[in-house]
Amino acid sequence: MKRSMSSWLVLVLVVVMAGCSSRGGTKGGVEVEDHSMGADAGTGTEGAVTSGAAAAGTYDMAALDDPNSPLARRVIYFDYDSAEISPADQDTLIAHAGFLVANPGAKVTLEGNTDERGSREYNIALGERRAESVKHILELNGVPSGQITVVSYGEEKPAAEGHSEAAWRLNRRVEIVYPQ
């Protein structure tokens, strides 16, 4: 418990320090601000670009049902025992952030999930860390926290049954759910 509290304190300090530094640049001709965190931060948001919602474009409600829209991708997968978001998934999340910023009445629920390995308590915490990593990317791109709900199901809602790497890979995820 004491070690866990120390780890959280270090993580909070790293996040605060990273938030104080910024690097600018352009993306798609739009000025963006980048609050990148070092690989040691462990939040899964390394190299995240802020203000990307403007660069990603805006989407209307019909885009949620369009299979050709980037908003059709609503599952973010994770490596074993990780909450780190891949660069390709960051682009997907920037598109979702653009939609949420353009539609301030829209809400989203981020459902964190894990594979069956690990204790129930550990998996609930890991699912929450994964969902919080996704939330962090959305917030960095302008989405107010009031539009986002985070829930962790741990291993309780598997996408695939089985005890193989193929099944486990599909279960390590965050589902982006827009309530109807």
C-alpha atoms as a PDB file:
ATOM      1  CA  MET A   1       0.000   0.000   0.000  1.00  0.00           C
ATOM      2  CA  LYS A   2       2.798   2.389   0.913  1.00  0.00           C
ATOM      3  CA  ARG A   3       4.638   1.602  -2.329  1.00  0.00           C
ATOM      4  CA  SER A   4       1.428   2.137  -4.317  1.00  0.00           C
ATOM      5  CA  MET A   5       0.913   5.575  -2.753  1.00  0.00           C
ATOM      6  CA  SER A   6       4.521   6.498  -3.592  1.00  0.00           C
ATOM      7  CA  SER A   7       4.008   5.411  -7.196  1.00  0.00           C
ATOM      8  CA  TRP A   8       0.862   7.528  -7.479  1.00  0.00           C
ATOM      9  CA  LEU A   9       2.659  10.535  -5.998  1.00  0.00           C
ATOM     10  CA  VAL A  10       5.479  10.187  -8.518  1.00  0.00           C
ATOM     11  CA  LEU A  11       2.949   9.810 -11.333  1.00  0.00           C
ATOM     12  CA  VAL A  12       1.078  12.947 -10.242  1.00  0.00           C
ATOM     13  CA  LEU A  13       4.327  14.919 -10.110  1.00  0.00           C
ATOM     14  CA  VAL A  14       5.321  13.724 -13.585  1.00  0.00           C
ATOM     15  CA  VAL A  15       1.912  14.686 -14.987  1.00  0.00           C
ATOM     16  CA  VAL A  16       2.046  18.137 -13.363  1.00  0.00           C
ATOM     17  CA  MET A  17       5.584  18.752 -14.619  1.00  0.00           C
ATOM     18  CA  ALA A  18       4.704  17.552 -18.114  1.00  0.00           C
ATOM     19  CA  GLY A  19       1.687  19.847 -18.175  1.00  0.00           C
ATOM     20  CA  CYS A  20       3.930  22.815 -17.483  1.00  0.00           C
ATOM     21  CA  SER A  21       6.030  22.275 -20.585  1.00  0.00           C
ATOM     22  CA  SER A  22       4.758  22.673 -24.110  1.00  0.00           C
ATOM     23  CA  ARG A  23       6.012  22.418 -27.618  1.00  0.00           C
ATOM     24  CA  GLY A  24       4.195  23.972 -30.507  1.00  0.00           C
ATOM     25  CA  GLY A  25       3.916  22.935 -34.087  1.00  0.00           C
ATOM     26  CA  THR A  26       1.450  22.539 -36.883  1.00  0.00           C
ATOM     27  CA  LYS A  27      -0.746  19.695 -37.959  1.00  0.00           C
ATOM     28  CA  GLY A  28      -2.699  19.917 -41.159  1.00  0.00           C
ATOM     29  CA  GLY A  29      -1.929  23.639 -41.339  1.00  0.00           C
ATOM     30  CA  VAL A  30      -3.478  24.243 -37.916  1.00  0.00           C
ATOM     31  CA  GLU A  31      -1.369  25.420 -35.005  1.00  0.00           C
ATOM     32  CA  VAL A  32      -1.300  22.783 -32.274  1.00  0.00           C
ATOM     33  CA  GLU A  33       0.199  22.613 -28.849  1.00  0.00           C
ATOM     34  CA  ASP A  34       1.879  19.397 -27.770  1.00  0.00           C
ATOM     35  CA  HIS A  35       2.054  18.458 -24.093  1.00  0.00           C
ATOM     36  CA  SER A  36       4.036  15.259 -24.549  1.00  0.00           C
ATOM     37  CA  MET A  37       5.023  13.209 -21.559  1.00  0.00           C
ATOM     38  CA  GLY A  38       8.080  11.042 -21.281  1.00  0.00           C
ATOM     39  CA  ALA A  39       7.853   7.292 -21.613  1.00  0.00           C
ATOM     40  CA  ASP A  40       8.287   6.951 -17.852  1.00  0.00           C
ATOM     41  CA  ALA A  41       4.968   8.665 -17.147  1.00  0.00           C
ATOM     42  CA  GLY A  42       3.073   5.433 -17.720  1.00  0.00           C
ATOM     43  CA  THR A  43      -0.272   7.099 -18.457  1.00  0.00           C
ATOM     44  CA  GLY A  44      -0.484   5.702 -21.962  1.00  0.00           C
ATOM     45  CA  THR A  45      -0.526   9.187 -23.471  1.00  0.00           C
ATOM     46  CA  GLU A  46       3.086   9.495 -24.554  1.00  0.00           C
ATOM     47  CA  GLY A  47       3.389  11.843 -27.510  1.00  0.00           C
ATOM     48  CA  ALA A  48      -0.261  12.932 -27.291  1.00  0.00           C
ATOM     49  CA  VAL A  49      -1.134  16.007 -29.316  1.00  0.00           C
ATOM     50  CA  THR A  50      -3.405  18.587 -27.773  1.00  0.00           C
ATOM     51  CA  SER A  51      -5.800  20.835 -29.630  1.00  0.00           C
ATOM     52  CA  GLY A  52      -5.946  18.155 -32.316  1.00  0.00           C
ATOM     53  CA  ALA A  53      -9.734  18.247 -32.375  1.00  0.00           C
ATOM     54  CA  ALA A  54      -9.591  21.346 -34.547  1.00  0.00           C
ATOM     55  CA  ALA A  55      -7.117  19.713 -36.888  1.00  0.00           C
ATOM     56  CA  ALA A  56      -9.096  16.473 -37.074  1.00  0.00           C
ATOM     57  CA  GLY A  57     -12.239  18.198 -38.310  1.00  0.00           C
ATOM     58  CA  THR A  58     -15.690  18.139 -36.837  1.00  0.00           C
ATOM     59  CA  TYR A  59     -18.400  15.542 -37.224  1.00  0.00           C
ATOM     60  CA  ASP A  60     -22.154  15.664 -36.924  1.00  0.00           C
ATOM     61  CA  MET A  61     -24.375  13.066 -35.274  1.00  0.00           C
ATOM     62  CA  ALA A  62     -24.787  11.159 -38.570  1.00  0.00           C
ATOM     63  CA  ALA A  63     -21.050  10.408 -38.539  1.00  0.00           C
ATOM     64  CA  LEU A  64     -21.606   8.034 -35.611  1.00  0.00           C
ATOM     65  CA  ASP A  65     -23.599   5.700 -37.882  1.00  0.00           C
ATOM     66  CA  ASP A  66     -21.408   6.094 -40.986  1.00  0.00           C
ATOM     67  CA  PRO A  67     -19.156   2.999 -41.373  1.00  0.00           C
ATOM     68  CA  ASN A  68     -16.717   5.142 -43.429  1.00  0.00           C
ATOM     69  CA  SER A  69     -16.316   7.674 -40.617  1.00  0.00           C
ATOM     70  CA  PRO A  70     -13.351   7.469 -38.236  1.00  0.00           C
ATOM     71  CA  LEU A  71     -15.989   7.498 -35.490  1.00  0.00           C
ATOM     72  CA  ALA A  72     -17.024   3.977 -36.520  1.00  0.00           C
ATOM     73  CA  ARG A  73     -13.896   2.707 -34.756  1.00  0.00           C
ATOM     74  CA  ARG A  74     -14.942   2.517 -31.122  1.00  0.00           C
ATOM     75  CA  VAL A  75     -12.618  -0.055 -29.605  1.00  0.00           C
ATOM     76  CA  ILE A  76      -9.069   0.702 -28.468  1.00  0.00           C
ATOM     77  CA  TYR A  77      -6.892  -2.372 -27.853  1.00  0.00           C
ATOM     78  CA  PHE A  78      -3.995  -2.651 -25.410  1.00  0.00           C
ATOM     79  CA  ASP A  79      -0.918  -4.783 -24.934  1.00  0.00           C
ATOM     80  CA  TYR A  80      -0.713  -7.177 -22.000  1.00  0.00           C
ATOM     81  CA  ASP A  81      -0.605  -5.379 -18.629  1.00  0.00           C
ATOM     82  CA  SER A  82      -0.496  -1.970 -20.329  1.00  0.00           C
ATOM     83  CA  ALA A  83      -2.573   1.197 -20.502  1.00  0.00           C
ATOM     84  CA  GLU A  84      -0.407   2.765 -23.232  1.00  0.00           C
ATOM     85  CA  ILE A  85      -2.254   4.019 -26.296  1.00  0.00           C
ATOM     86  CA  SER A  86      -0.680   3.445 -29.716  1.00  0.00           C
ATOM     87  CA  PRO A  87      -0.114   6.363 -32.128  1.00  0.00           C
ATOM     88  CA  ALA A  88      -2.713   4.919 -34.528  1.00  0.00           C
ATOM     89  CA  ASP A  89      -5.268   4.822 -31.714  1.00  0.00           C
ATOM     90  CA  GLN A  90      -4.432   8.409 -30.784  1.00  0.00           C
ATOM     91  CA  ASP A  91      -5.589   9.467 -34.264  1.00  0.00           C
ATOM     92  CA  THR A  92      -8.885   7.647 -33.679  1.00  0.00           C
ATOM     93  CA  LEU A  93      -9.283   9.373 -30.319  1.00  0.00           C
ATOM     94  CA  ILE A  94      -8.576  12.777 -31.868  1.00  0.00           C
ATOM     95  CA  ALA A  95     -11.475  12.141 -34.268  1.00  0.00           C
ATOM     96  CA  HIS A  96     -13.751  11.262 -31.331  1.00  0.00           C
ATOM     97  CA  ALA A  97     -12.568  14.393 -29.519  1.00  0.00           C
ATOM     98  CA  GLY A  98     -13.458  16.478 -32.590  1.00  0.00           C
ATOM     99  CA  PHE A  99     -16.951  15.009 -32.546  1.00  0.00           C
ATOM    100  CA  LEU A 100     -17.422  15.602 -28.812  1.00  0.00           C
ATOM    101  CA  VAL A 101     -16.119  19.184 -28.991  1.00  0.00           C
ATOM    102  CA  ALA A 102     -18.437  19.930 -31.938  1.00  0.00           C
ATOM    103  CA  ASN A 103     -21.377  18.335 -30.099  1.00  0.00           C
ATOM    104  CA  PRO A 104     -21.216  19.583 -26.503  1.00  0.00           C
ATOM    105  CA  GLY A 105     -24.487  17.828 -25.643  1.00  0.00           C
ATOM    106  CA  ALA A 106     -23.060  14.431 -26.591  1.00  0.00           C
ATOM    107  CA  LYS A 107     -21.849  12.124 -23.835  1.00  0.00           C
ATOM    108  CA  VAL A 108     -19.493   9.163 -24.022  1.00  0.00           C
ATOM    109  CA  THR A 109     -18.810   6.245 -21.706  1.00  0.00           C
ATOM    110  CA  LEU A 110     -15.356   4.659 -21.746  1.00  0.00           C
ATOM    111  CA  GLU A 111     -15.594   1.007 -20.704  1.00  0.00           C
ATOM    112  CA  GLY A 112     -12.256  -0.455 -19.586  1.00  0.00           C
ATOM    113  CA  ASN A 113     -11.758  -4.207 -19.960  1.00  0.00           C
ATOM    114  CA  THR A 114      -9.007  -6.765 -19.381  1.00  0.00           C
ATOM    115  CA  ASP A 115      -8.297 -10.376 -20.150  1.00  0.00           C
ATOM    116  CA  GLU A 116      -8.887 -13.031 -17.491  1.00  0.00           C
ATOM    117  CA  ARG A 117      -5.334 -13.144 -16.174  1.00  0.00           C
ATOM    118  CA  GLY A 118      -4.725 -11.427 -12.843  1.00  0.00           C
ATOM    119  CA  SER A 119      -6.884 -11.043  -9.756  1.00  0.00           C
ATOM    120  CA  ARG A 120     -10.325  -9.472  -9.991  1.00  0.00           C
ATOM    121  CA  GLU A 121      -9.133  -6.384  -8.085  1.00  0.00           C
ATOM    122  CA  TYR A 122      -6.051  -5.958 -10.273  1.00  0.00           C
ATOM    123  CA  ASN A 123      -8.117  -6.278 -13.450  1.00  0.00           C
ATOM    124  CA  ILE A 124     -10.676  -3.709 -12.284  1.00  0.00           C
ATOM    125  CA  ALA A 125      -7.823  -1.268 -11.604  1.00  0.00           C
ATOM    126  CA  LEU A 126      -6.137  -2.021 -14.964  1.00  0.00           C
ATOM    127  CA  GLY A 127      -9.424  -1.554 -16.832  1.00  0.00           C
ATOM    128  CA  GLU A 128      -9.840   1.792 -15.108  1.00  0.00           C
ATOM    129  CA  ARG A 129      -6.277   2.874 -15.978  1.00  0.00           C
ATOM    130  CA  ARG A 130      -6.967   2.016 -19.620  1.00  0.00           C
ATOM    131  CA  ALA A 131     -10.216   3.992 -19.668  1.00  0.00           C
ATOM    132  CA  GLU A 132      -8.519   6.915 -17.896  1.00  0.00           C
ATOM    133  CA  SER A 133      -5.756   6.901 -20.550  1.00  0.00           C
ATOM    134  CA  VAL A 134      -8.406   7.256 -23.246  1.00  0.00           C
ATOM    135  CA  LYS A 135     -10.150   9.978 -21.233  1.00  0.00           C
ATOM    136  CA  HIS A 136      -6.876  11.841 -20.868  1.00  0.00           C
ATOM    137  CA  ILE A 137      -6.341  11.937 -24.643  1.00  0.00           C
ATOM    138  CA  LEU A 138      -9.895  13.214 -25.166  1.00  0.00           C
ATOM    139  CA  GLU A 139      -9.427  15.925 -22.529  1.00  0.00           C
ATOM    140  CA  LEU A 140      -6.078  16.974 -24.026  1.00  0.00           C
ATOM    141  CA  ASN A 141      -7.969  17.534 -27.245  1.00  0.00           C
ATOM    142  CA  GLY A 142     -10.572  19.830 -25.721  1.00  0.00           C
ATOM    143  CA  VAL A 143     -13.327  17.525 -24.457  1.00  0.00           C
ATOM    144  CA  PRO A 144     -14.695  18.699 -21.093  1.00  0.00           C
ATOM    145  CA  SER A 145     -14.574  16.007 -18.416  1.00  0.00           C
ATOM    146  CA  GLY A 146     -18.333  16.417 -17.885  1.00  0.00           C
ATOM    147  CA  GLN A 147     -18.959  14.747 -21.256  1.00  0.00           C
ATOM    148  CA  ILE A 148     -16.984  11.635 -20.290  1.00  0.00           C
ATOM    149  CA  THR A 149     -17.865   8.770 -17.957  1.00  0.00           C
ATOM    150  CA  VAL A 150     -15.293   6.097 -17.087  1.00  0.00           C
ATOM    151  CA  VAL A 151     -16.218   2.591 -15.964  1.00  0.00           C
ATOM    152  CA  SER A 152     -14.113  -0.533 -15.550  1.00  0.00           C
ATOM    153  CA  TYR A 153     -15.467  -4.024 -16.010  1.00  0.00           C
ATOM    154  CA  GLY A 154     -12.101  -5.718 -15.582  1.00  0.00           C
ATOM    155  CA  GLU A 155     -12.463  -9.278 -16.866  1.00  0.00           C
ATOM    156  CA  GLU A 156     -16.258  -9.407 -16.383  1.00  0.00           C
ATOM    157  CA  LYS A 157     -17.332  -8.578 -19.974  1.00  0.00           C
ATOM    158  CA  PRO A 158     -15.085 -10.544 -22.336  1.00  0.00           C
ATOM    159  CA  ALA A 159     -15.382  -9.837 -26.057  1.00  0.00           C
ATOM    160  CA  ALA A 160     -14.020 -13.319 -26.791  1.00  0.00           C
ATOM    161  CA  GLU A 161     -14.285 -16.513 -24.789  1.00  0.00           C
ATOM    162  CA  GLY A 162     -11.246 -18.725 -24.474  1.00  0.00           C
ATOM    163  CA  HIS A 163      -7.900 -19.096 -22.804  1.00  0.00           C
ATOM    164  CA  SER A 164      -5.580 -18.197 -25.672  1.00  0.00           C
ATOM    165  CA  GLU A 165      -3.570 -15.165 -26.724  1.00  0.00           C
ATOM    166  CA  ALA A 166      -6.067 -14.559 -29.556  1.00  0.00           C
ATOM    167  CA  ALA A 167      -8.963 -14.306 -27.087  1.00  0.00           C
ATOM    168  CA  TRP A 168      -6.969 -12.331 -24.534  1.00  0.00           C
ATOM    169  CA  ARG A 169      -5.901  -9.794 -27.202  1.00  0.00           C
ATOM    170  CA  LEU A 170      -9.564  -9.028 -27.994  1.00  0.00           C
ATOM    171  CA  ASN A 171     -10.442  -8.647 -24.310  1.00  0.00           C
ATOM    172  CA  ARG A 172      -7.733  -6.051 -23.522  1.00  0.00           C
ATOM    173  CA  ARG A 173      -9.696  -3.015 -24.638  1.00  0.00           C
ATOM    174  CA  VAL A 174     -11.599   0.168 -23.970  1.00  0.00           C
ATOM    175  CA  GLU A 175     -14.962   0.450 -25.684  1.00  0.00           C
ATOM    176  CA  ILE A 176     -16.135   3.952 -26.618  1.00  0.00           C
ATOM    177  CA  VAL A 177     -19.903   3.973 -26.070  1.00  0.00           C
ATOM    178  CA  TYR A 178     -22.215   6.791 -27.122  1.00  0.00           C
ATOM    179  CA  PRO A 179     -25.549   6.372 -25.277  1.00  0.00           C
ATOM    180  CA  GLN A 180     -28.559   6.575 -27.597  1.00  0.00           C
END
